[in-house]
Amino acid sequence: MTELTHRSFDDQAFADTDVDDAALDAALREDELLLDEPELSPGELELSERASLRRVAGLSTELDDVTEVEYRKLRLERVVLVGVWTEGTAEQSEASLAELARLAETAGSQVLEGMVQRRGRPDPATYIGAGKVRELADVVRATGADTVICDGELSPGQLRQLEAKLKVKVIDRTALILDIFAQHARSREGKAQVELAQLQYLVPRLRGWGESLSRQGGGRGGNAGVGLRGPGETKLETDRRRIGKRMAKLRREIAAMDTVRATKRGRRTANEVPSVAIVGYTNAGKSSLLNAVTGAGVLVEDALFATLDPTTRRAETPDGRAYTLTDTVGFVRHLPHQLVEAFRSTLDEAADSDLLLHVVDGSDPAPEDQVSAVREVLAEIGARRSTPLPPELVVVNKADAADEVTLARLRHLLPDAVVVSARTGHGMAELLEAVAERLPRPEVAVEVVVPYTRGELVARTHADGEVLAEEHTSEGTRLVARVRPDLAAALRDYAVESSRA
């Protein structure tokens, strides 16, 4: 027989403190001092906004008779985690459950206990089997949990069976990730993408309490009125139709926003500005790396999926060439396919770049698993494209917090990787040099003598090309450079005889 193992997570205790008049006066004086503090960056403002409101456990306005569709906007409080270990090692199974615990905490819940069962495959009816469901029900009652989170994607049938037997809310890993995305989305495009992904997940699981969704509108008798008599349609059919219309509208809105994004990307391509996209596992330090390179000031938070909306900033190589650096949404093991589909335009931003900076958390207990998970998602993105994905440069971040043995193992597995710490600045110079080496260079070589009256061409060559040699002569500025075709055409009249030939 299989064993159900238990892993408990410590509860956090909070102590109440009395506030007297002296403490109030001190707080007022502190507020006055805060007025003299410097302005916060956009990322710090967003972080402070996220921390400004916290859920108060135990307050509920849940109705006894719910007649509308349950849209499953999660109100997680005290949760028990359960997973099925079907493959891999015990350490990998425990790491997956620990990651699920971090996801649950990010969503705002308190994790009480985690349970893992060894099975060849999940039970098709109840995910963990009828006997283990009874054991899980005992744990739920003993801990006072009100939610069970399963470390996998449940079918609609499994979801109904578990909720009927456990008498508490049951959700899966996909619904949990979608809820976190809904909390963190800020831009109009991000909110639309998350809503579309949630509706795609909801449609096959659409249901309600009791018989509310089996009621029909219309009918032969009663007070249906003129034009409404007949078989009618069920509440479930009505909701499916409404959700279908909403999904169609969201797809149109996302397509329109994708056109704007493609236009901006087209302008950069027309100007031949190289682009670099930062990809990687969630919480690997991608936003910190963007801030370290460009000083963007975007939100940095030690939480999963802190960044959903892509941020693009201008940067320069050590030799002065300009390029764009884009921070993208993080990946995770078993990333819901609904999110990959909904965030297609955002992910294409990375796929259309000239270089991928694949950021790996060097302090993670199993960074190799992070690399595999990210490359799986990238392969899924590349499979639906006609052009290959850009080259990849692996960046091992958080070197200041990583174990030396882990770093040595990563250097052996990823010999071309660059080890950095975005927080301390260690290895950043080496990273910038590696980026400069891998970015595409202007393809036309020129040797020109530009008259001093055409100084704007010299400035443009420095800004848009790669100057290999420069000398000031009596005739003008002599340049040996590599430039784009349009700039080469503007410089053609000033080419020296040797380069004309």
Protein backbone atom coordinates (compact mmCIF):
# COMPACT_ATOMS: atom_id res chain seq x y z
CA MET A 1 0.00 0.00 0.00
CA THR A 2 1.11 3.52 -0.62
CA GLU A 3 2.05 5.82 2.22
CA LEU A 4 0.80 9.33 2.75
CA THR A 5 3.56 11.41 4.29
CA HIS A 6 3.06 14.63 6.16
CA ARG A 7 5.13 17.81 6.09
CA SER A 8 4.09 20.54 8.50
CA PHE A 9 4.77 24.21 7.96
CA ASP A 10 5.21 26.48 10.96
CA ASP A 11 2.42 28.89 11.74
CA GLN A 12 3.30 32.53 12.29
CA ALA A 13 2.23 34.01 15.59
CA PHE A 14 1.37 37.63 15.95
CA ALA A 15 1.29 39.48 19.27
CA ASP A 16 -1.01 42.40 19.99
CA THR A 17 0.50 45.58 21.45
CA ASP A 18 -1.15 48.50 23.22
CA VAL A 19 -0.73 51.98 21.78
CA ASP A 20 -0.42 54.83 24.32
CA ASP A 21 -0.33 58.59 23.86
CA ALA A 22 3.48 58.73 23.93
CA ALA A 23 3.72 56.15 21.15
CA LEU A 24 1.15 58.11 19.15
CA ASP A 25 3.19 61.32 19.51
CA ALA A 26 6.32 59.45 18.43
CA ALA A 27 4.50 58.13 15.38
CA LEU A 28 3.37 61.64 14.45
CA ARG A 29 6.93 62.92 14.72
CA GLU A 30 8.10 60.04 12.55
CA ASP A 31 5.48 60.95 9.94
CA GLU A 32 6.82 64.52 9.90
CA LEU A 33 10.33 63.21 9.30
CA LEU A 34 9.08 61.04 6.45
CA LEU A 35 8.02 64.17 4.57
CA ASP A 36 11.71 65.01 4.06
CA GLU A 37 12.55 61.58 2.53
CA PRO A 38 13.37 61.37 -1.21
CA GLU A 39 10.71 60.33 -3.69
CA LEU A 40 10.19 56.62 -4.22
CA SER A 41 10.92 54.90 -7.51
CA PRO A 42 8.00 53.40 -9.51
CA GLY A 43 8.96 49.93 -8.30
CA GLU A 44 9.03 51.03 -4.66
CA LEU A 45 5.66 52.72 -5.05
CA GLU A 46 4.12 49.54 -6.50
CA LEU A 47 5.67 47.43 -3.73
CA SER A 48 4.23 49.78 -1.11
CA GLU A 49 0.82 49.59 -2.81
CA ARG A 50 0.86 45.79 -2.69
CA ALA A 51 1.71 45.86 1.02
CA SER A 52 -0.92 48.47 1.91
CA LEU A 53 -3.85 46.05 2.19
CA ARG A 54 -3.91 42.68 3.89
CA ARG A 55 -6.73 40.17 4.21
CA VAL A 56 -8.23 39.75 7.71
CA ALA A 57 -8.84 36.07 8.35
CA GLY A 58 -12.18 34.96 9.74
CA LEU A 59 -14.33 37.69 8.18
CA SER A 60 -16.72 36.21 5.64
CA THR A 61 -19.86 37.38 3.84
CA GLU A 62 -20.42 34.05 2.09
CA LEU A 63 -24.10 33.44 1.33
CA ASP A 64 -25.72 30.19 2.34
CA ASP A 65 -27.55 29.87 -0.97
CA VAL A 66 -25.31 30.72 -3.92
CA THR A 67 -27.34 30.83 -7.12
CA GLU A 68 -24.90 32.51 -9.50
CA VAL A 69 -22.02 30.82 -11.29
CA GLU A 70 -19.06 30.26 -8.99
CA TYR A 71 -16.30 32.11 -10.82
CA ARG A 72 -13.82 30.71 -8.30
CA LYS A 73 -12.12 33.97 -7.41
CA LEU A 74 -10.04 32.46 -4.67
CA ARG A 75 -10.40 33.54 -1.05
CA LEU A 76 -7.64 31.39 0.36
CA GLU A 77 -7.18 31.33 4.11
CA ARG A 78 -6.01 28.14 5.86
CA VAL A 79 -4.89 25.53 3.37
CA VAL A 80 -3.62 21.96 3.21
CA LEU A 81 -1.43 20.95 0.27
CA VAL A 82 -1.55 17.55 -1.38
CA GLY A 83 0.60 16.14 -4.16
CA VAL A 84 1.05 12.88 -6.04
CA TRP A 85 4.61 11.66 -6.55
CA THR A 86 4.57 9.79 -9.86
CA GLU A 87 8.14 10.22 -11.13
CA GLY A 88 11.51 11.63 -10.17
CA THR A 89 13.17 11.52 -6.77
CA ALA A 90 11.69 12.15 -3.35
CA GLU A 91 13.67 15.41 -3.17
CA GLN A 92 12.11 16.64 -6.42
CA SER A 93 8.63 15.77 -5.14
CA GLU A 94 9.22 17.63 -1.88
CA ALA A 95 10.68 20.60 -3.79
CA SER A 96 7.55 20.75 -5.95
CA LEU A 97 5.34 20.79 -2.84
CA ALA A 98 7.54 23.45 -1.21
CA GLU A 99 7.14 25.58 -4.34
CA LEU A 100 3.37 25.06 -4.14
CA ALA A 101 3.54 26.34 -0.54
CA ARG A 102 5.31 29.51 -1.72
CA LEU A 103 2.69 29.97 -4.42
CA ALA A 104 -0.08 29.61 -1.82
CA GLU A 105 1.59 32.13 0.48
CA THR A 106 2.04 34.54 -2.42
CA ALA A 107 -1.70 34.27 -3.07
CA GLY A 108 -2.34 35.29 0.55
CA SER A 109 -3.02 32.00 2.33
CA GLN A 110 -1.62 30.30 5.42
CA VAL A 111 -0.20 26.83 4.79
CA LEU A 112 -0.99 24.39 7.58
CA GLU A 113 0.28 21.08 6.25
CA GLY A 114 1.59 19.37 3.13
CA MET A 115 1.00 15.77 2.08
CA VAL A 116 2.59 13.68 -0.67
CA GLN A 117 1.40 10.27 -1.88
CA ARG A 118 3.46 7.83 -3.95
CA ARG A 119 1.41 6.51 -6.89
CA GLY A 120 2.10 5.28 -10.38
CA ARG A 121 -0.36 7.86 -11.74
CA PRO A 122 -3.05 10.11 -10.23
CA ASP A 123 -6.38 8.44 -9.56
CA PRO A 124 -8.76 9.40 -12.41
CA ALA A 125 -11.71 9.86 -10.03
CA THR A 126 -10.29 11.53 -6.90
CA TYR A 127 -6.62 12.30 -7.76
CA ILE A 128 -5.30 10.44 -4.67
CA GLY A 129 -7.69 7.50 -4.36
CA ALA A 130 -10.78 6.91 -2.22
CA GLY A 131 -8.91 5.64 0.86
CA LYS A 132 -6.47 8.52 0.90
CA VAL A 133 -9.35 10.98 0.47
CA ARG A 134 -10.72 9.77 3.82
CA GLU A 135 -7.30 10.29 5.44
CA LEU A 136 -7.11 13.75 3.88
CA ALA A 137 -10.58 14.58 5.22
CA ASP A 138 -9.38 13.70 8.74
CA VAL A 139 -6.37 16.02 8.33
CA VAL A 140 -8.61 18.83 7.07
CA ARG A 141 -10.91 18.50 10.08
CA ALA A 142 -8.00 18.25 12.54
CA THR A 143 -6.24 21.36 11.21
CA GLY A 144 -9.37 23.43 10.63
CA ALA A 145 -8.43 24.07 7.01
CA ASP A 146 -10.96 25.59 4.65
CA THR A 147 -9.12 24.92 1.36
CA VAL A 148 -7.19 22.03 -0.20
CA ILE A 149 -4.69 22.76 -2.98
CA CYS A 150 -3.57 19.92 -5.25
CA ASP A 151 -0.13 19.99 -6.88
CA GLY A 152 -1.38 19.31 -10.40
CA GLU A 153 -4.22 20.20 -12.75
CA LEU A 154 -7.48 18.50 -11.73
CA SER A 155 -10.13 17.44 -14.19
CA PRO A 156 -13.66 18.78 -13.61
CA GLY A 157 -14.70 15.36 -12.34
CA GLN A 158 -11.83 15.14 -9.84
CA LEU A 159 -12.65 18.64 -8.61
CA ARG A 160 -16.32 17.76 -7.99
CA GLN A 161 -15.51 14.45 -6.30
CA LEU A 162 -12.95 15.95 -3.92
CA GLU A 163 -15.16 18.88 -2.91
CA ALA A 164 -18.11 16.53 -2.33
CA LYS A 165 -16.06 14.25 -0.08
CA LEU A 166 -13.91 16.82 1.74
CA LYS A 167 -16.66 19.45 2.22
CA VAL A 168 -14.15 22.29 1.67
CA LYS A 169 -13.00 24.29 -1.33
CA VAL A 170 -10.58 22.37 -3.58
CA ILE A 171 -8.40 24.05 -6.20
CA ASP A 172 -5.44 22.94 -8.27
CA ARG A 173 -2.04 24.38 -9.12
CA THR A 174 -3.33 26.02 -12.31
CA ALA A 175 -6.12 27.93 -10.54
CA LEU A 176 -3.64 29.06 -7.88
CA ILE A 177 -1.19 30.47 -10.45
CA LEU A 178 -4.02 32.17 -12.32
CA ASP A 179 -5.14 33.81 -9.07
CA ILE A 180 -1.64 35.17 -8.42
CA PHE A 181 -1.51 36.56 -11.94
CA ALA A 182 -4.87 38.24 -11.39
CA GLN A 183 -3.56 39.90 -8.20
CA HIS A 184 -0.34 41.17 -9.81
CA ALA A 185 -1.58 42.33 -13.23
CA ARG A 186 -1.36 46.12 -13.52
CA SER A 187 -1.53 47.12 -17.18
CA ARG A 188 -4.66 46.93 -19.33
CA GLU A 189 -3.04 44.28 -21.52
CA GLY A 190 -1.93 42.21 -18.54
CA LYS A 191 -5.39 42.25 -16.98
CA ALA A 192 -7.00 41.23 -20.28
CA GLN A 193 -4.53 38.37 -20.75
CA VAL A 194 -5.11 37.06 -17.23
CA GLU A 195 -8.89 37.29 -17.54
CA LEU A 196 -8.79 35.38 -20.83
CA ALA A 197 -6.65 32.64 -19.26
CA GLN A 198 -9.02 32.39 -16.28
CA LEU A 199 -12.09 32.09 -18.52
CA GLN A 200 -10.39 29.42 -20.64
CA TYR A 201 -9.72 27.47 -17.45
CA LEU A 202 -13.26 28.06 -16.14
CA VAL A 203 -15.37 26.99 -19.11
CA PRO A 204 -14.97 23.18 -18.75
CA ARG A 205 -15.38 23.51 -14.97
CA LEU A 206 -18.45 25.73 -15.06
CA ARG A 207 -20.91 24.72 -12.39
CA GLY A 208 -22.88 26.06 -9.43
CA TRP A 209 -24.36 25.02 -6.14
CA GLY A 210 -27.37 22.71 -6.01
CA GLU A 211 -29.55 22.65 -9.08
CA SER A 212 -29.25 26.35 -9.94
CA LEU A 213 -27.57 25.78 -13.29
CA SER A 214 -30.05 23.15 -14.44
CA ARG A 215 -33.01 25.57 -14.29
CA GLN A 216 -34.48 26.52 -17.63
CA GLY A 217 -35.65 29.95 -18.73
CA GLY A 218 -39.03 30.09 -20.47
CA GLY A 219 -41.31 27.08 -20.44
CA ARG A 220 -44.99 26.41 -21.29
CA GLY A 221 -46.53 27.45 -18.03
CA GLY A 222 -45.96 30.10 -15.38
CA ASN A 223 -45.33 33.77 -16.02
CA ALA A 224 -42.76 33.47 -18.81
CA GLY A 225 -44.59 36.00 -20.99
CA VAL A 226 -45.02 36.44 -24.71
CA GLY A 227 -42.13 35.13 -26.77
CA LEU A 228 -40.49 33.30 -23.87
CA ARG A 229 -42.53 30.09 -23.82
CA GLY A 230 -40.92 26.86 -24.91
CA PRO A 231 -38.06 24.67 -23.77
CA GLY A 232 -35.76 27.64 -23.12
CA GLU A 233 -32.11 27.19 -22.16
CA THR A 234 -30.49 26.23 -18.88
CA LYS A 235 -28.61 28.65 -16.68
CA LEU A 236 -25.42 26.72 -17.49
CA GLU A 237 -25.96 27.25 -21.23
CA THR A 238 -26.61 30.95 -20.69
CA ASP A 239 -23.40 31.38 -18.71
CA ARG A 240 -21.36 29.48 -21.26
CA ARG A 241 -22.72 31.69 -24.01
CA ARG A 242 -21.92 34.86 -22.06
CA ILE A 243 -18.40 33.67 -21.24
CA GLY A 244 -17.86 32.77 -24.89
CA LYS A 245 -18.79 36.33 -25.91
CA ARG A 246 -16.50 37.78 -23.26
CA MET A 247 -13.59 35.61 -24.41
CA ALA A 248 -14.11 36.69 -28.02
CA LYS A 249 -14.08 40.35 -26.95
CA LEU A 250 -10.89 39.86 -24.91
CA ARG A 251 -9.15 38.19 -27.85
CA ARG A 252 -10.04 41.17 -30.05
CA GLU A 253 -8.71 43.62 -27.44
CA ILE A 254 -5.47 41.66 -27.01
CA ALA A 255 -5.01 41.48 -30.78
CA ALA A 256 -5.42 45.27 -31.00
CA MET A 257 -2.89 45.80 -28.21
CA ASP A 258 -0.56 43.32 -29.90
CA THR A 259 -0.70 45.49 -33.02
CA VAL A 260 0.55 48.47 -30.99
CA ARG A 261 3.33 46.36 -29.49
CA ALA A 262 4.29 45.04 -32.92
CA THR A 263 4.41 48.60 -34.27
CA LYS A 264 6.83 49.68 -31.55
CA ARG A 265 8.90 46.56 -32.13
CA GLY A 266 8.86 47.29 -35.89
CA ARG A 267 10.24 50.78 -35.32
CA ARG A 268 13.15 49.36 -33.35
CA THR A 269 13.73 46.78 -36.07
CA ALA A 270 13.63 49.45 -38.79
CA ASN A 271 16.23 51.42 -36.86
CA GLU A 272 18.16 48.16 -36.41
CA VAL A 273 18.43 48.59 -32.66
CA PRO A 274 19.46 45.21 -31.20
CA SER A 275 17.13 43.82 -28.54
CA VAL A 276 17.85 41.61 -25.53
CA ALA A 277 15.10 39.82 -23.56
CA ILE A 278 15.49 38.64 -19.97
CA VAL A 279 13.79 35.28 -19.39
CA GLY A 280 13.98 32.80 -16.55
CA TYR A 281 12.28 31.15 -13.62
CA THR A 282 10.04 33.25 -11.43
CA ASN A 283 11.90 35.07 -8.63
CA ALA A 284 15.29 34.39 -10.23
CA GLY A 285 16.17 38.10 -10.12
CA LYS A 286 15.26 39.25 -13.64
CA SER A 287 13.91 42.65 -12.56
CA SER A 288 16.93 43.18 -10.30
CA LEU A 289 19.18 42.50 -13.27
CA LEU A 290 17.25 45.02 -15.40
CA ASN A 291 17.65 47.63 -12.67
CA ALA A 292 21.36 46.88 -12.28
CA VAL A 293 22.03 47.33 -16.02
CA THR A 294 19.71 50.24 -16.84
CA GLY A 295 18.65 51.80 -13.53
CA ALA A 296 15.01 51.30 -14.56
CA GLY A 297 13.66 51.30 -10.99
CA VAL A 298 11.05 48.61 -11.70
CA LEU A 299 9.38 46.63 -8.93
CA VAL A 300 11.67 44.15 -7.16
CA GLU A 301 10.00 41.82 -4.67
CA ASP A 302 10.98 38.50 -3.11
CA ALA A 303 7.79 36.84 -4.33
CA LEU A 304 6.70 34.56 -7.13
CA PHE A 305 5.40 36.27 -10.29
CA ALA A 306 6.10 39.79 -8.99
CA THR A 307 6.52 40.95 -12.63
CA LEU A 308 3.81 40.32 -15.23
CA ASP A 309 3.93 43.39 -17.46
CA PRO A 310 7.05 43.58 -19.68
CA THR A 311 9.33 46.59 -19.23
CA THR A 312 11.71 47.75 -21.98
CA ARG A 313 14.63 50.09 -21.29
CA ARG A 314 17.56 51.42 -23.33
CA ALA A 315 21.07 50.21 -22.53
CA GLU A 316 24.54 50.51 -24.02
CA THR A 317 27.39 48.07 -24.52
CA PRO A 318 30.82 49.00 -23.09
CA ASP A 319 31.86 50.10 -26.61
CA GLY A 320 28.89 52.49 -26.87
CA ARG A 321 26.40 50.52 -29.02
CA ALA A 322 22.76 51.03 -28.04
CA TYR A 323 20.32 48.15 -27.48
CA THR A 324 17.02 47.53 -25.69
CA LEU A 325 16.65 45.32 -22.62
CA THR A 326 13.22 43.82 -21.86
CA ASP A 327 12.10 42.23 -18.58
CA THR A 328 9.47 39.51 -19.16
CA VAL A 329 7.12 37.37 -17.08
CA GLY A 330 8.74 34.54 -15.14
CA PHE A 331 8.21 30.85 -15.84
CA VAL A 332 7.46 28.01 -13.44
CA ARG A 333 7.18 24.23 -13.50
CA HIS A 334 3.97 23.13 -15.21
CA LEU A 335 3.13 26.65 -16.36
CA PRO A 336 -0.59 26.53 -17.31
CA HIS A 337 -1.04 26.31 -21.06
CA GLN A 338 -3.84 28.86 -20.78
CA LEU A 339 -1.26 31.43 -19.67
CA VAL A 340 1.14 30.55 -22.48
CA GLU A 341 -1.70 31.05 -24.95
CA ALA A 342 -3.00 34.28 -23.38
CA PHE A 343 0.47 35.80 -22.97
CA ARG A 344 1.50 34.95 -26.53
CA SER A 345 2.11 38.58 -27.51
CA THR A 346 4.23 39.17 -24.41
CA LEU A 347 6.25 35.99 -24.93
CA ASP A 348 6.74 36.84 -28.60
CA GLU A 349 8.55 39.97 -27.41
CA ALA A 350 11.25 37.64 -26.10
CA ALA A 351 11.13 35.31 -29.09
CA ASP A 352 11.69 38.20 -31.52
CA SER A 353 14.77 39.53 -29.71
CA ASP A 354 18.39 39.15 -30.83
CA LEU A 355 19.55 37.55 -27.57
CA LEU A 356 17.94 35.78 -24.61
CA LEU A 357 19.41 36.37 -21.16
CA HIS A 358 18.34 33.21 -19.33
CA VAL A 359 18.56 34.11 -15.63
CA VAL A 360 19.00 31.23 -13.15
CA ASP A 361 18.70 31.50 -9.37
CA GLY A 362 22.06 30.21 -8.13
CA SER A 363 20.80 30.08 -4.53
CA ASP A 364 17.97 27.66 -5.38
CA PRO A 365 18.43 24.09 -4.07
CA ALA A 366 17.87 22.66 -7.57
CA PRO A 367 18.80 25.30 -10.20
CA GLU A 368 19.13 22.61 -12.89
CA ASP A 369 15.39 21.93 -12.61
CA GLN A 370 14.75 25.65 -13.14
CA VAL A 371 16.82 25.59 -16.33
CA SER A 372 14.89 22.57 -17.63
CA ALA A 373 11.49 24.15 -16.83
CA VAL A 374 12.36 27.41 -18.60
CA ARG A 375 13.71 25.62 -21.66
CA GLU A 376 10.53 23.53 -21.87
CA VAL A 377 8.41 26.70 -22.04
CA LEU A 378 10.79 28.25 -24.58
CA ALA A 379 10.54 25.09 -26.69
CA GLU A 380 6.73 25.35 -26.55
CA ILE A 381 6.95 28.96 -27.76
CA GLY A 382 9.42 28.06 -30.50
CA ALA A 383 7.30 25.14 -31.73
CA ARG A 384 4.57 27.46 -33.00
CA ARG A 385 6.96 29.87 -34.74
CA SER A 386 8.32 29.73 -38.25
CA THR A 387 11.63 31.33 -37.22
CA PRO A 388 14.07 29.84 -34.71
CA LEU A 389 14.48 31.25 -31.21
CA PRO A 390 17.36 33.68 -30.63
CA PRO A 391 20.64 32.50 -29.07
CA GLU A 392 20.74 32.07 -25.30
CA LEU A 393 23.19 33.40 -22.71
CA VAL A 394 22.76 31.80 -19.28
CA VAL A 395 23.24 34.16 -16.33
CA VAL A 396 23.58 32.59 -12.87
CA ASN A 397 22.28 35.26 -10.51
CA LYS A 398 22.39 35.64 -6.70
CA ALA A 399 26.02 34.52 -6.52
CA ASP A 400 26.32 36.30 -3.16
CA ALA A 401 23.73 33.93 -1.63
CA ALA A 402 24.66 30.76 -3.54
CA ASP A 403 26.64 27.81 -2.24
CA GLU A 404 30.12 27.44 -3.74
CA VAL A 405 29.51 23.75 -4.49
CA THR A 406 26.32 24.64 -6.40
CA LEU A 407 28.12 27.35 -8.37
CA ALA A 408 30.91 24.92 -9.25
CA ARG A 409 28.35 22.38 -10.45
CA LEU A 410 26.59 25.00 -12.57
CA ARG A 411 29.88 26.16 -14.10
CA HIS A 412 30.53 22.55 -15.10
CA LEU A 413 27.01 21.99 -16.53
CA LEU A 414 26.80 25.43 -18.17
CA PRO A 415 30.38 26.29 -19.18
CA ASP A 416 29.37 29.43 -21.11
CA ALA A 417 27.28 30.85 -18.24
CA VAL A 418 28.16 34.15 -16.55
CA VAL A 419 27.95 34.22 -12.75
CA VAL A 420 26.71 37.54 -11.33
CA SER A 421 25.01 39.15 -8.36
CA ALA A 422 22.60 41.89 -9.38
CA ARG A 423 22.41 43.02 -5.75
CA THR A 424 26.16 43.51 -5.15
CA GLY A 425 27.26 44.13 -8.76
CA HIS A 426 29.60 41.13 -8.83
CA GLY A 427 30.23 39.92 -12.40
CA MET A 428 28.19 42.68 -14.06
CA ALA A 429 31.15 43.96 -16.12
CA GLU A 430 31.78 40.45 -17.44
CA LEU A 431 28.06 40.11 -18.28
CA LEU A 432 27.98 43.36 -20.26
CA GLU A 433 31.05 42.26 -22.23
CA ALA A 434 29.41 38.91 -22.99
CA VAL A 435 26.23 40.67 -24.18
CA ALA A 436 28.28 42.98 -26.43
CA GLU A 437 30.05 39.99 -28.02
CA ARG A 438 26.78 38.24 -28.85
CA LEU A 439 24.80 41.20 -30.20
CA PRO A 440 24.65 41.53 -33.99
CA ARG A 441 27.10 44.07 -35.38
CA PRO A 442 26.59 46.46 -38.33
CA GLU A 443 27.47 44.55 -41.49
CA VAL A 444 28.90 47.23 -43.85
CA ALA A 445 32.56 48.17 -43.39
CA VAL A 446 33.48 51.72 -44.46
CA GLU A 447 36.57 53.90 -44.50
CA VAL A 448 35.70 57.57 -45.01
CA VAL A 449 37.03 61.09 -44.55
CA VAL A 450 34.08 63.23 -43.43
CA PRO A 451 34.47 67.03 -43.82
CA TYR A 452 34.27 68.99 -40.62
CA THR A 453 31.17 70.70 -41.98
CA ARG A 454 29.33 67.31 -41.82
CA GLY A 455 29.83 66.67 -38.14
CA GLU A 456 26.33 65.18 -37.87
CA LEU A 457 27.49 62.16 -39.93
CA VAL A 458 30.37 61.57 -37.53
CA ALA A 459 27.98 61.77 -34.58
CA ARG A 460 25.56 59.40 -36.28
CA THR A 461 28.36 56.93 -36.98
CA HIS A 462 29.29 56.93 -33.32
CA ALA A 463 25.67 56.56 -32.22
CA ASP A 464 24.43 53.95 -34.72
CA GLY A 465 27.60 52.19 -35.89
CA GLU A 466 30.78 50.69 -34.53
CA VAL A 467 33.82 52.96 -34.89
CA LEU A 468 37.01 50.92 -35.24
CA ALA A 469 39.43 53.82 -35.81
CA GLU A 470 39.19 57.61 -35.82
CA GLU A 471 41.74 60.26 -36.88
CA HIS A 472 41.46 64.03 -37.38
CA THR A 473 43.20 65.14 -40.60
CA SER A 474 43.43 68.42 -42.54
CA GLU A 475 40.62 67.28 -44.88
CA GLY A 476 38.27 66.11 -42.14
CA THR A 477 37.60 63.23 -39.74
CA ARG A 478 38.88 59.89 -40.97
CA LEU A 479 36.72 56.98 -39.79
CA VAL A 480 37.05 53.23 -40.12
CA ALA A 481 33.74 51.78 -38.99
CA ARG A 482 31.01 49.21 -39.43
CA VAL A 483 27.61 50.75 -40.11
CA ARG A 484 24.10 49.89 -41.33
CA PRO A 485 23.32 50.00 -45.05
CA ASP A 486 21.38 53.28 -44.87
CA LEU A 487 24.25 55.05 -43.08
CA ALA A 488 26.77 53.52 -45.50
CA ALA A 489 24.81 55.10 -48.37
CA ALA A 490 24.98 58.52 -46.67
CA LEU A 491 28.76 58.14 -46.25
CA ARG A 492 29.44 56.84 -49.77
CA ASP A 493 30.47 60.25 -51.16
CA TYR A 494 33.24 60.55 -48.56
CA ALA A 495 34.80 57.12 -48.98
CA VAL A 496 38.57 57.04 -49.46
CA GLU A 497 39.85 55.66 -52.77
CA SER A 498 40.94 52.34 -51.30
CA SER A 499 37.46 51.64 -49.90
CA ARG A 500 35.80 52.76 -53.18
CA ALA A 501 37.77 50.14 -55.00
